[in-house]
Amino acid sequence: MSRFKDDDKERYLTYSIVVRQADEEKGIKEQVVTKKMAKFIDGGPKEFLDWTYHFFQLAKLKEWGPEDKFHNTKILLEGDLLDAFNHYEASANDGDMRMGDDDFTKALYQASIVVEMLPLRVD
């Protein structure tokens, strides 16, 4: 059983999302929910599309800007896909430190081409 917990820690990150701010004057306590987000370690195009959907949902809930999306994507991707994402982020940057959502989406899309080229893993 503990092996599964260790695997879980390796494959997922848990994010806290504040759904209601605390207000001491009104006696309202902060309400927080957690969302477990899978790392993208391996998989095909369908799995990457599913992962991307969940990532964008998380980014919306967390109200992430482009810098937050870049940062968290680097935490959640691994292997060749992470290498490709880093490469395309660097080329999208072009010395401009401020990157927008379009730059993020473009870097993620360009890196995703690697997913189609990855060999299938057979256990």
C-alpha atoms as a PDB file:
ATOM      1  CA  MET A   1       0.000   0.000   0.000  1.00  0.00           C
ATOM      2  CA  SER A   2       2.793   2.460   0.802  1.00  0.00           C
ATOM      3  CA  ARG A   3       4.261   1.808  -2.660  1.00  0.00           C
ATOM      4  CA  PHE A   4       1.103   3.281  -4.161  1.00  0.00           C
ATOM      5  CA  LYS A   5       1.368   6.348  -1.939  1.00  0.00           C
ATOM      6  CA  ASP A   6       4.965   6.854  -3.074  1.00  0.00           C
ATOM      7  CA  ASP A   7       3.904   6.419  -6.707  1.00  0.00           C
ATOM      8  CA  ASP A   8       1.082   8.873  -6.094  1.00  0.00           C
ATOM      9  CA  LYS A   9       3.527  11.510  -4.841  1.00  0.00           C
ATOM     10  CA  GLU A  10       5.695  10.951  -7.920  1.00  0.00           C
ATOM     11  CA  ARG A  11       2.822  11.201 -10.399  1.00  0.00           C
ATOM     12  CA  TYR A  12       0.623  13.945  -8.937  1.00  0.00           C
ATOM     13  CA  LEU A  13       0.801  17.390  -7.380  1.00  0.00           C
ATOM     14  CA  THR A  14      -1.961  18.685  -5.143  1.00  0.00           C
ATOM     15  CA  TYR A  15      -2.996  22.313  -5.478  1.00  0.00           C
ATOM     16  CA  SER A  16      -5.062  24.286  -2.968  1.00  0.00           C
ATOM     17  CA  ILE A  17      -7.760  26.571  -4.324  1.00  0.00           C
ATOM     18  CA  VAL A  18      -9.441  29.225  -2.190  1.00  0.00           C
ATOM     19  CA  VAL A  19     -13.151  29.178  -3.007  1.00  0.00           C
ATOM     20  CA  ARG A  20     -14.165  31.706  -0.372  1.00  0.00           C
ATOM     21  CA  GLN A  21     -12.006  34.322   1.301  1.00  0.00           C
ATOM     22  CA  ALA A  22     -12.079  34.705   5.062  1.00  0.00           C
ATOM     23  CA  ASP A  23     -13.906  37.704   6.516  1.00  0.00           C
ATOM     24  CA  GLU A  24     -13.381  38.021  10.262  1.00  0.00           C
ATOM     25  CA  GLU A  25     -15.958  40.803  10.618  1.00  0.00           C
ATOM     26  CA  LYS A  26     -18.679  38.563   9.202  1.00  0.00           C
ATOM     27  CA  GLY A  27     -17.353  35.423  10.898  1.00  0.00           C
ATOM     28  CA  ILE A  28     -16.640  33.721   7.581  1.00  0.00           C
ATOM     29  CA  LYS A  29     -13.817  31.228   7.511  1.00  0.00           C
ATOM     30  CA  GLU A  30     -11.695  30.688   4.440  1.00  0.00           C
ATOM     31  CA  GLN A  31     -12.844  27.727   2.374  1.00  0.00           C
ATOM     32  CA  VAL A  32     -10.228  25.818   0.462  1.00  0.00           C
ATOM     33  CA  VAL A  33     -10.550  22.835  -1.864  1.00  0.00           C
ATOM     34  CA  THR A  34      -7.743  20.775  -3.281  1.00  0.00           C
ATOM     35  CA  LYS A  35      -7.258  19.545  -6.821  1.00  0.00           C
ATOM     36  CA  LYS A  36      -4.911  16.727  -7.680  1.00  0.00           C
ATOM     37  CA  MET A  37      -3.104  17.330 -10.984  1.00  0.00           C
ATOM     38  CA  ALA A  38      -1.292  14.517 -12.747  1.00  0.00           C
ATOM     39  CA  LYS A  39       2.189  15.015 -14.095  1.00  0.00           C
ATOM     40  CA  PHE A  40       2.515  14.176 -17.778  1.00  0.00           C
ATOM     41  CA  ILE A  41       5.189  11.502 -17.732  1.00  0.00           C
ATOM     42  CA  ASP A  42       4.209   9.416 -20.729  1.00  0.00           C
ATOM     43  CA  GLY A  43       1.255   8.810 -22.979  1.00  0.00           C
ATOM     44  CA  GLY A  44      -0.037   9.454 -26.430  1.00  0.00           C
ATOM     45  CA  PRO A  45      -1.836  12.370 -28.055  1.00  0.00           C
ATOM     46  CA  LYS A  46      -5.192  11.542 -26.421  1.00  0.00           C
ATOM     47  CA  GLU A  47      -3.657  11.431 -22.942  1.00  0.00           C
ATOM     48  CA  PHE A  48      -1.848  14.702 -23.601  1.00  0.00           C
ATOM     49  CA  LEU A  49      -5.074  16.328 -24.784  1.00  0.00           C
ATOM     50  CA  ASP A  50      -6.803  15.161 -21.582  1.00  0.00           C
ATOM     51  CA  TRP A  51      -3.885  16.435 -19.490  1.00  0.00           C
ATOM     52  CA  THR A  52      -3.984  19.806 -21.274  1.00  0.00           C
ATOM     53  CA  TYR A  53      -7.711  20.155 -20.588  1.00  0.00           C
ATOM     54  CA  HIS A  54      -7.189  19.535 -16.855  1.00  0.00           C
ATOM     55  CA  PHE A  55      -4.195  21.878 -16.778  1.00  0.00           C
ATOM     56  CA  PHE A  56      -6.190  24.746 -18.300  1.00  0.00           C
ATOM     57  CA  GLN A  57      -9.050  24.106 -15.856  1.00  0.00           C
ATOM     58  CA  LEU A  58      -6.585  24.300 -12.965  1.00  0.00           C
ATOM     59  CA  ALA A  59      -4.993  27.457 -14.394  1.00  0.00           C
ATOM     60  CA  LYS A  60      -8.424  29.069 -14.630  1.00  0.00           C
ATOM     61  CA  LEU A  61      -9.323  28.152 -11.040  1.00  0.00           C
ATOM     62  CA  LYS A  62      -5.959  29.375  -9.751  1.00  0.00           C
ATOM     63  CA  GLU A  63      -6.211  32.530 -11.897  1.00  0.00           C
ATOM     64  CA  TRP A  64      -2.729  31.943 -13.288  1.00  0.00           C
ATOM     65  CA  GLY A  65      -1.157  34.399 -15.661  1.00  0.00           C
ATOM     66  CA  PRO A  66       1.248  33.312 -18.398  1.00  0.00           C
ATOM     67  CA  GLU A  67       4.288  33.263 -16.077  1.00  0.00           C
ATOM     68  CA  ASP A  68       2.454  30.994 -13.624  1.00  0.00           C
ATOM     69  CA  LYS A  69       1.429  28.683 -16.470  1.00  0.00           C
ATOM     70  CA  PHE A  70       5.007  28.428 -17.734  1.00  0.00           C
ATOM     71  CA  HIS A  71       6.319  27.768 -14.222  1.00  0.00           C
ATOM     72  CA  ASN A  72       3.742  25.097 -13.328  1.00  0.00           C
ATOM     73  CA  THR A  73       3.998  23.392 -16.707  1.00  0.00           C
ATOM     74  CA  LYS A  74       7.718  22.919 -16.101  1.00  0.00           C
ATOM     75  CA  ILE A  75       6.880  21.219 -12.806  1.00  0.00           C
ATOM     76  CA  LEU A  76       4.225  18.958 -14.317  1.00  0.00           C
ATOM     77  CA  LEU A  77       5.994  17.810 -17.502  1.00  0.00           C
ATOM     78  CA  GLU A  78       8.819  15.303 -17.629  1.00  0.00           C
ATOM     79  CA  GLY A  79      11.216  13.796 -20.140  1.00  0.00           C
ATOM     80  CA  ASP A  80      11.339  14.700 -23.814  1.00  0.00           C
ATOM     81  CA  LEU A  81       8.164  16.754 -23.589  1.00  0.00           C
ATOM     82  CA  LEU A  82       9.674  18.964 -20.887  1.00  0.00           C
ATOM     83  CA  ASP A  83      12.834  19.379 -22.959  1.00  0.00           C
ATOM     84  CA  ALA A  84      10.782  20.381 -25.997  1.00  0.00           C
ATOM     85  CA  PHE A  85       8.667  22.782 -23.931  1.00  0.00           C
ATOM     86  CA  ASN A  86      11.796  24.453 -22.531  1.00  0.00           C
ATOM     87  CA  HIS A  87      13.195  24.778 -26.055  1.00  0.00           C
ATOM     88  CA  TYR A  88      10.042  26.391 -27.441  1.00  0.00           C
ATOM     89  CA  GLU A  89       9.690  28.650 -24.415  1.00  0.00           C
ATOM     90  CA  ALA A  90      13.211  29.945 -25.045  1.00  0.00           C
ATOM     91  CA  SER A  91      12.464  30.554 -28.731  1.00  0.00           C
ATOM     92  CA  ALA A  92       9.150  32.269 -27.900  1.00  0.00           C
ATOM     93  CA  ASN A  93      10.908  34.512 -25.396  1.00  0.00           C
ATOM     94  CA  ASP A  94      13.256  36.209 -27.906  1.00  0.00           C
ATOM     95  CA  GLY A  95      14.721  38.312 -25.104  1.00  0.00           C
ATOM     96  CA  ASP A  96      11.314  39.739 -24.140  1.00  0.00           C
ATOM     97  CA  MET A  97      10.788  38.939 -20.482  1.00  0.00           C
ATOM     98  CA  ARG A  98       7.031  39.465 -20.690  1.00  0.00           C
ATOM     99  CA  MET A  99       5.287  36.635 -22.414  1.00  0.00           C
ATOM    100  CA  GLY A 100       1.565  36.383 -22.895  1.00  0.00           C
ATOM    101  CA  ASP A 101      -0.989  33.598 -23.052  1.00  0.00           C
ATOM    102  CA  ASP A 102      -0.427  33.276 -26.806  1.00  0.00           C
ATOM    103  CA  ASP A 103       3.278  32.614 -26.200  1.00  0.00           C
ATOM    104  CA  PHE A 104       2.423  29.949 -23.625  1.00  0.00           C
ATOM    105  CA  THR A 105      -0.124  28.247 -25.869  1.00  0.00           C
ATOM    106  CA  LYS A 106       2.282  28.316 -28.810  1.00  0.00           C
ATOM    107  CA  ALA A 107       5.129  26.801 -26.757  1.00  0.00           C
ATOM    108  CA  LEU A 108       2.848  24.069 -25.378  1.00  0.00           C
ATOM    109  CA  TYR A 109       1.441  23.286 -28.836  1.00  0.00           C
ATOM    110  CA  GLN A 110       4.875  23.123 -30.459  1.00  0.00           C
ATOM    111  CA  ALA A 111       6.213  20.917 -27.675  1.00  0.00           C
ATOM    112  CA  SER A 112       3.197  18.604 -27.962  1.00  0.00           C
ATOM    113  CA  ILE A 113       4.400  17.448 -31.369  1.00  0.00           C
ATOM    114  CA  VAL A 114       6.969  15.392 -29.435  1.00  0.00           C
ATOM    115  CA  VAL A 115       4.099  13.358 -27.935  1.00  0.00           C
ATOM    116  CA  GLU A 116       3.244  11.929 -31.345  1.00  0.00           C
ATOM    117  CA  MET A 117       6.867  10.901 -31.884  1.00  0.00           C
ATOM    118  CA  LEU A 118       7.408   9.229 -28.496  1.00  0.00           C
ATOM    119  CA  PRO A 119       7.645   5.440 -28.651  1.00  0.00           C
ATOM    120  CA  LEU A 120       4.795   3.588 -27.000  1.00  0.00           C
ATOM    121  CA  ARG A 121       5.727   2.042 -23.690  1.00  0.00           C
ATOM    122  CA  VAL A 122       4.808  -1.624 -23.365  1.00  0.00           C
ATOM    123  CA  ASP A 123       4.916  -3.123 -19.888  1.00  0.00           C
END
